[in-house]
Amino acid sequence: MTHTHTVVCERPNEVIIREEPLPELGHSMFLVRAKLTAISTGTEMTLVTGDFEPDSVWARLARYPLKLGYSHLGEVIAVGDGVDGVQVGDRVVGWKNHSQFVIYRAGEFFVKVPDDILDESAVLFSLAVISLNGVRKAKVQLGECAIVFGLGPIGIWAAQFAYLCGARPVIGVDLLENRRSLAERVKAVDMAFDGADENLTDKVAELTKGRMADVIFEVTGNPRAILDEVKLLRKQGRLIILSSPRGKTEFDFHDWCNWTSISIIGAHNSSHPPHENPDDPWTQRRNVEVFFELIRRSEVATTQLITHRFKWGDAPKAYELLVKERGQTGIVILDWQQSA
């Protein structure tokens, strides 16, 4: 195999398929042919649209042309010398771009997919562990009230993982009715409220007997939403920034942090520990393994969160859809098993 097709953002709002040469398979390397990849409607779409401040970390990350994607599921088709733990025919997931063929080198992250886990469930691993890592950072305890703002796929998983950790009740908040309905349908939340509801504070107070939320997960990506979210948090509660907000928030740290003594906790995926250790054993690998076990037990939603499937050759159309109808889409899958 000498070439591969890769999804590339040439410049903001211009996505193409590019043919690229593949390096020769060498020592401690193995080659994977894509089966499915999943588009991140948060991170990827921020980079595709260029919707960020010029002095932000986003601006440093967005070096166009930019290869897109980080949720790759494929089958091992060739193994070089010195490779342990994987053989031809294995299915693996890893943090690879939307590409027809990818090469893994020694030390790069990958996890073998168990035989009883479906492709369309397994490919969602990266998005799910982002949520799981955020819930672990929140240290949810039995009986605590958790509120999730933003009921896209990552928000729905945050709600489900918080529930599995003992949160009661779990409340969802979103401006879009279709997302609220889906969250209730997959039993991710005990109830879902409209973020524009003027009585939202009163409803949360009634549900919690006036105690308000112990932990709030910010998953909207909207920097202005944070100002409303903290108002539902009890004193000394925790605000978990699970999204990657697109812009600045004007925040009164006296009134809403110092006076209330809340904790604001960042939960970017990069905060996973690089290695298991006594203080934090929950590496990316451990969390992927937990996700697969929860799939096996039917305790988390997977394929219910997929709203669109495209042949890989139609990837530019998939991104056009996401730009135009971002709020109406869940997870979008690219199928690399079908011809372009």
Protein backbone atom coordinates (compact mmCIF):
# COMPACT_ATOMS: atom_id res chain seq x y z
CA MET A 1 0.00 0.00 0.00
CA THR A 2 1.72 3.20 -1.14
CA HIS A 3 -0.98 5.88 -0.85
CA THR A 4 -3.93 6.82 1.34
CA HIS A 5 -6.85 9.22 1.13
CA THR A 6 -7.14 11.68 4.02
CA VAL A 7 -9.72 14.32 4.98
CA VAL A 8 -8.05 17.74 5.08
CA CYS A 9 -9.26 21.24 5.91
CA GLU A 10 -7.37 23.41 3.41
CA ARG A 11 -8.57 26.63 5.01
CA PRO A 12 -11.63 27.58 7.11
CA ASN A 13 -14.82 26.10 5.63
CA GLU A 14 -12.99 24.25 2.85
CA VAL A 15 -12.73 20.47 3.38
CA ILE A 16 -11.25 18.19 0.72
CA ILE A 17 -10.05 14.60 0.24
CA ARG A 18 -6.32 14.49 -0.39
CA GLU A 19 -4.30 11.56 -1.70
CA GLU A 20 -1.06 11.22 0.24
CA PRO A 21 1.91 8.83 0.15
CA LEU A 22 2.25 6.31 2.95
CA PRO A 23 5.66 5.76 4.54
CA GLU A 24 7.18 2.33 4.12
CA LEU A 25 6.28 -0.09 6.91
CA GLY A 26 9.33 -0.46 9.13
CA HIS A 27 10.42 -1.91 12.44
CA SER A 28 7.88 -1.61 15.30
CA MET A 29 5.16 -0.35 12.94
CA PHE A 30 1.84 -1.79 11.80
CA LEU A 31 -0.62 -0.78 9.09
CA VAL A 32 -4.36 -0.38 9.61
CA ARG A 33 -7.09 -0.10 6.97
CA ALA A 34 -9.95 2.11 8.11
CA LYS A 35 -13.41 0.71 8.64
CA LEU A 36 -15.14 3.70 10.25
CA THR A 37 -14.17 7.10 11.62
CA ALA A 38 -16.31 9.45 13.73
CA ILE A 39 -16.46 13.20 13.27
CA SER A 40 -16.24 15.36 16.38
CA THR A 41 -18.94 17.99 16.06
CA GLY A 42 -17.20 20.12 18.70
CA THR A 43 -13.43 20.25 18.27
CA GLU A 44 -13.35 19.50 14.55
CA MET A 45 -16.09 21.96 13.67
CA THR A 46 -14.40 24.73 15.63
CA LEU A 47 -11.28 24.14 13.53
CA VAL A 48 -13.23 23.80 10.28
CA THR A 49 -15.19 27.01 10.78
CA GLY A 50 -12.32 29.01 12.25
CA ASP A 51 -14.71 30.17 14.95
CA PHE A 52 -12.18 31.20 17.59
CA GLU A 53 -10.28 34.20 18.92
CA PRO A 54 -7.05 35.09 17.06
CA ASP A 55 -5.01 35.04 20.30
CA SER A 56 -6.39 31.71 21.56
CA VAL A 57 -4.96 28.20 21.83
CA TRP A 58 -7.36 27.34 18.99
CA ALA A 59 -5.45 29.73 16.73
CA ARG A 60 -2.19 27.93 17.53
CA LEU A 61 -3.76 24.54 16.80
CA ALA A 62 -5.32 25.61 13.50
CA ARG A 63 -2.37 25.41 11.13
CA TYR A 64 -3.98 25.01 7.71
CA PRO A 65 -3.96 22.80 5.75
CA LEU A 66 -5.05 20.66 8.70
CA LYS A 67 -5.73 16.93 8.80
CA LEU A 68 -9.06 16.32 10.51
CA GLY A 69 -10.28 13.63 12.88
CA TYR A 70 -9.16 11.66 15.91
CA SER A 71 -11.61 8.75 16.17
CA HIS A 72 -10.36 5.90 13.98
CA LEU A 73 -11.44 2.26 13.86
CA GLY A 74 -9.72 -0.10 11.49
CA GLU A 75 -8.36 -3.58 10.80
CA VAL A 76 -4.68 -4.46 11.03
CA ILE A 77 -3.51 -5.58 7.56
CA ALA A 78 0.29 -5.67 7.96
CA VAL A 79 2.66 -5.94 10.92
CA GLY A 80 6.35 -5.04 10.92
CA ASP A 81 9.14 -6.65 12.90
CA GLY A 82 9.24 -5.99 16.61
CA VAL A 83 5.50 -5.43 17.08
CA ASP A 84 3.88 -7.08 20.09
CA GLY A 85 0.24 -7.28 21.13
CA VAL A 86 -1.39 -7.01 17.71
CA GLN A 87 -1.68 -9.21 14.65
CA VAL A 88 -3.21 -9.14 11.18
CA GLY A 89 -6.99 -9.24 11.41
CA ASP A 90 -7.28 -7.46 14.76
CA ARG A 91 -9.58 -4.46 15.00
CA VAL A 92 -8.06 -1.47 16.76
CA VAL A 93 -9.13 2.04 17.71
CA GLY A 94 -6.78 4.97 18.07
CA TRP A 95 -6.33 8.73 17.87
CA LYS A 96 -5.82 8.84 14.12
CA ASN A 97 -7.10 11.16 11.41
CA HIS A 98 -9.90 10.44 8.96
CA SER A 99 -7.71 8.42 6.62
CA GLN A 100 -8.08 5.28 4.53
CA PHE A 101 -4.83 3.77 5.83
CA VAL A 102 -2.89 4.72 8.96
CA ILE A 103 0.40 3.56 10.43
CA TYR A 104 0.95 3.01 14.13
CA ARG A 105 4.47 3.33 15.49
CA ALA A 106 6.00 2.01 18.70
CA GLY A 107 4.51 3.76 21.72
CA GLU A 108 1.48 5.22 19.96
CA PHE A 109 -1.88 4.78 21.62
CA PHE A 110 -4.24 2.07 20.39
CA VAL A 111 -6.69 -0.39 21.95
CA LYS A 112 -7.80 -3.72 20.50
CA VAL A 113 -11.56 -4.01 20.07
CA PRO A 114 -13.17 -7.08 21.66
CA ASP A 115 -14.92 -9.42 19.23
CA ASP A 116 -18.37 -8.78 20.71
CA ILE A 117 -18.27 -4.97 20.31
CA LEU A 118 -19.84 -3.66 17.09
CA ASP A 119 -17.83 -1.37 14.80
CA GLU A 120 -20.29 1.53 15.13
CA SER A 121 -20.09 1.38 18.91
CA ALA A 122 -16.31 0.94 19.11
CA VAL A 123 -15.50 3.92 16.87
CA LEU A 124 -17.14 6.24 19.42
CA PHE A 125 -14.43 5.45 21.99
CA SER A 126 -12.65 8.80 21.88
CA LEU A 127 -15.73 10.95 22.41
CA ALA A 128 -16.96 8.70 25.22
CA VAL A 129 -13.69 8.76 27.17
CA ILE A 130 -13.60 12.56 26.97
CA SER A 131 -16.87 12.48 28.92
CA LEU A 132 -15.72 9.74 31.26
CA ASN A 133 -12.54 11.61 32.12
CA GLY A 134 -14.59 14.72 32.92
CA VAL A 135 -16.89 12.79 35.24
CA ARG A 136 -13.88 11.30 37.02
CA LYS A 137 -12.45 14.81 37.51
CA ALA A 138 -15.80 15.81 39.06
CA LYS A 139 -15.52 13.07 41.73
CA VAL A 140 -19.28 12.55 41.70
CA GLN A 141 -20.64 11.00 44.91
CA LEU A 142 -23.75 8.96 45.59
CA GLY A 143 -26.78 11.20 46.00
CA GLU A 144 -25.30 14.36 44.50
CA CYS A 145 -27.32 16.39 42.01
CA ALA A 146 -25.56 16.72 38.64
CA ILE A 147 -26.68 19.09 35.90
CA VAL A 148 -25.38 18.74 32.35
CA PHE A 149 -25.61 21.84 30.16
CA GLY A 150 -25.45 20.79 26.51
CA LEU A 151 -26.99 17.46 25.48
CA GLY A 152 -24.96 16.56 22.47
CA PRO A 153 -23.25 13.15 22.52
CA ILE A 154 -20.55 14.16 25.01
CA GLY A 155 -23.17 15.72 27.28
CA ILE A 156 -25.36 12.63 27.12
CA TRP A 157 -22.42 10.43 28.06
CA ALA A 158 -21.47 12.80 30.89
CA ALA A 159 -25.00 12.40 32.24
CA GLN A 160 -24.91 8.61 31.94
CA PHE A 161 -21.49 8.29 33.57
CA ALA A 162 -22.52 10.66 36.37
CA TYR A 163 -25.60 8.51 36.97
CA LEU A 164 -23.49 5.35 37.05
CA CYS A 165 -21.26 7.06 39.64
CA GLY A 166 -24.30 7.67 41.85
CA ALA A 167 -25.59 11.13 40.91
CA ARG A 168 -29.30 11.53 41.74
CA PRO A 169 -30.99 13.36 40.18
CA VAL A 170 -29.24 13.95 36.86
CA ILE A 171 -30.72 16.95 35.07
CA GLY A 172 -30.13 17.88 31.45
CA VAL A 173 -30.38 21.39 30.02
CA ASP A 174 -30.38 22.28 26.32
CA LEU A 175 -31.97 24.89 24.08
CA LEU A 176 -32.91 22.26 21.47
CA GLU A 177 -35.98 20.08 21.97
CA ASN A 178 -34.62 17.24 19.85
CA ARG A 179 -31.56 16.91 22.06
CA ARG A 180 -33.62 17.03 25.24
CA SER A 181 -35.90 14.32 23.85
CA LEU A 182 -32.99 12.08 22.90
CA ALA A 183 -31.39 12.44 26.34
CA GLU A 184 -34.64 11.38 27.98
CA ARG A 185 -35.24 8.60 25.46
CA VAL A 186 -31.87 6.92 26.14
CA LYS A 187 -32.44 7.46 29.88
CA ALA A 188 -29.36 9.64 30.26
CA VAL A 189 -31.22 12.14 32.47
CA ASP A 190 -34.04 12.05 34.95
CA MET A 191 -35.49 15.13 33.28
CA ALA A 192 -34.42 17.67 30.67
CA PHE A 193 -35.19 21.38 30.73
CA ASP A 194 -35.11 24.13 28.13
CA GLY A 195 -32.11 26.37 28.74
CA ALA A 196 -34.28 29.37 27.85
CA ASP A 197 -36.87 28.54 30.53
CA GLU A 198 -37.21 31.60 32.81
CA ASN A 199 -38.24 29.27 35.66
CA LEU A 200 -35.19 27.00 35.38
CA THR A 201 -33.69 28.14 38.69
CA ASP A 202 -36.97 27.58 40.52
CA LYS A 203 -37.39 24.12 39.00
CA VAL A 204 -33.89 23.06 40.07
CA ALA A 205 -34.50 24.47 43.55
CA GLU A 206 -37.71 22.48 43.84
CA LEU A 207 -36.07 19.24 42.68
CA THR A 208 -33.15 19.64 45.09
CA LYS A 209 -35.15 20.94 48.09
CA GLY A 210 -33.34 24.24 47.74
CA ARG A 211 -29.84 22.74 47.82
CA MET A 212 -29.18 23.34 44.06
CA ALA A 213 -26.63 21.37 42.04
CA ASP A 214 -23.56 19.79 43.59
CA VAL A 215 -21.82 19.55 40.22
CA ILE A 216 -22.46 21.14 36.84
CA PHE A 217 -20.95 19.98 33.58
CA GLU A 218 -20.44 22.66 30.93
CA VAL A 219 -20.76 20.92 27.56
CA THR A 220 -22.29 23.67 25.39
CA GLY A 221 -19.03 25.21 24.19
CA ASN A 222 -20.74 28.59 24.56
CA PRO A 223 -18.64 30.88 26.79
CA ARG A 224 -21.70 32.97 27.67
CA ALA A 225 -23.60 29.96 29.03
CA ILE A 226 -21.19 29.68 31.95
CA LEU A 227 -22.67 32.82 33.51
CA ASP A 228 -26.08 31.12 33.77
CA GLU A 229 -24.70 27.75 34.81
CA VAL A 230 -22.95 28.93 37.98
CA LYS A 231 -26.22 30.39 39.25
CA LEU A 232 -27.59 26.85 39.66
CA LEU A 233 -24.57 25.63 41.63
CA ARG A 234 -24.61 25.35 45.41
CA LYS A 235 -21.94 26.99 47.53
CA GLN A 236 -18.70 24.98 47.33
CA GLY A 237 -20.07 23.06 44.34
CA ARG A 238 -17.99 22.07 41.30
CA LEU A 239 -18.17 23.48 37.79
CA ILE A 240 -16.60 21.08 35.27
CA ILE A 241 -15.49 22.64 31.99
CA LEU A 242 -15.90 19.57 29.80
CA SER A 243 -16.41 21.48 26.55
CA SER A 244 -13.79 23.60 24.82
CA PRO A 245 -15.51 27.01 24.95
CA ARG A 246 -15.08 29.12 21.84
CA GLY A 247 -14.19 32.53 23.22
CA LYS A 248 -13.88 34.52 26.42
CA THR A 249 -16.26 34.71 29.38
CA GLU A 250 -16.63 37.92 31.39
CA PHE A 251 -16.82 36.36 34.84
CA ASP A 252 -17.17 38.05 38.23
CA PHE A 253 -14.83 35.91 40.29
CA HIS A 254 -15.86 37.56 43.53
CA ASP A 255 -19.60 36.98 43.21
CA TRP A 256 -19.54 33.61 41.50
CA CYS A 257 -16.31 31.96 42.65
CA ASN A 258 -14.86 33.57 45.78
CA TRP A 259 -18.15 34.37 47.52
CA THR A 260 -19.63 30.97 46.69
CA SER A 261 -16.29 29.15 47.09
CA ILE A 262 -16.95 26.93 44.09
CA SER A 263 -14.30 24.85 42.35
CA ILE A 264 -13.79 25.35 38.61
CA ILE A 265 -12.22 22.23 37.10
CA GLY A 266 -10.87 21.94 33.59
CA ALA A 267 -11.35 18.48 32.08
CA HIS A 268 -9.61 18.46 28.72
CA ASN A 269 -8.86 14.99 27.39
CA SER A 270 -5.14 15.68 27.72
CA SER A 271 -5.57 15.62 31.52
CA HIS A 272 -5.62 11.82 31.47
CA PRO A 273 -2.57 10.53 33.37
CA PRO A 274 0.13 9.23 30.99
CA HIS A 275 0.58 6.14 33.15
CA GLU A 276 -1.41 4.32 35.82
CA ASN A 277 -0.43 5.49 39.28
CA PRO A 278 -1.85 5.11 42.81
CA ASP A 279 -3.39 8.59 42.79
CA ASP A 280 -4.97 8.28 39.33
CA PRO A 281 -5.03 4.91 37.55
CA TRP A 282 -7.54 6.04 34.94
CA THR A 283 -5.48 6.34 31.77
CA GLN A 284 -7.04 6.64 28.34
CA ARG A 285 -6.56 2.91 27.86
CA ARG A 286 -8.32 2.06 31.13
CA ASN A 287 -11.21 4.36 30.27
CA VAL A 288 -11.59 2.85 26.79
CA GLU A 289 -11.65 -0.61 28.36
CA VAL A 290 -14.33 0.55 30.82
CA PHE A 291 -16.36 2.01 27.95
CA PHE A 292 -16.24 -1.28 26.07
CA GLU A 293 -17.37 -3.13 29.19
CA LEU A 294 -20.28 -0.72 29.66
CA ILE A 295 -21.27 -1.33 26.03
CA ARG A 296 -21.19 -5.06 26.69
CA ARG A 297 -23.49 -4.52 29.67
CA SER A 298 -25.82 -2.20 27.67
CA GLU A 299 -25.33 0.53 30.27
CA VAL A 300 -24.45 3.39 27.91
CA ALA A 301 -25.89 4.73 24.66
CA THR A 302 -23.82 4.27 21.51
CA THR A 303 -25.41 3.90 18.08
CA GLN A 304 -28.51 5.82 19.24
CA LEU A 305 -26.31 8.94 19.17
CA ILE A 306 -25.36 8.52 15.48
CA THR A 307 -27.54 10.66 13.24
CA HIS A 308 -25.75 10.55 9.88
CA ARG A 309 -23.54 8.15 7.93
CA PHE A 310 -21.52 9.12 4.84
CA LYS A 311 -19.24 7.29 2.44
CA TRP A 312 -15.70 8.55 2.97
CA GLY A 313 -15.65 10.17 -0.44
CA ASP A 314 -18.56 12.35 0.65
CA ALA A 315 -16.70 13.73 3.67
CA PRO A 316 -16.84 17.33 2.35
CA LYS A 317 -20.65 17.02 2.21
CA ALA A 318 -20.67 15.75 5.80
CA TYR A 319 -18.84 18.85 7.00
CA GLU A 320 -21.12 21.10 4.95
CA LEU A 321 -24.08 19.50 6.73
CA LEU A 322 -22.46 20.07 10.11
CA VAL A 323 -21.81 23.73 9.34
CA LYS A 324 -25.42 24.31 8.25
CA GLU A 325 -27.27 22.08 10.74
CA ARG A 326 -24.88 21.64 13.64
CA GLY A 327 -27.61 21.76 16.25
CA GLN A 328 -29.63 19.07 14.48
CA THR A 329 -26.83 16.54 14.19
CA GLY A 330 -25.39 14.04 16.63
CA ILE A 331 -22.40 11.88 15.78
CA VAL A 332 -21.54 11.70 12.07
CA ILE A 333 -19.79 8.57 10.81
CA LEU A 334 -17.55 8.20 7.75
CA ASP A 335 -17.64 4.70 6.24
CA TRP A 336 -14.32 3.71 4.66
CA GLN A 337 -15.50 0.25 3.62
CA GLN A 338 -17.57 1.61 0.74
CA SER A 339 -16.10 2.96 -2.48
CA ALA A 340 -15.80 6.71 -2.89
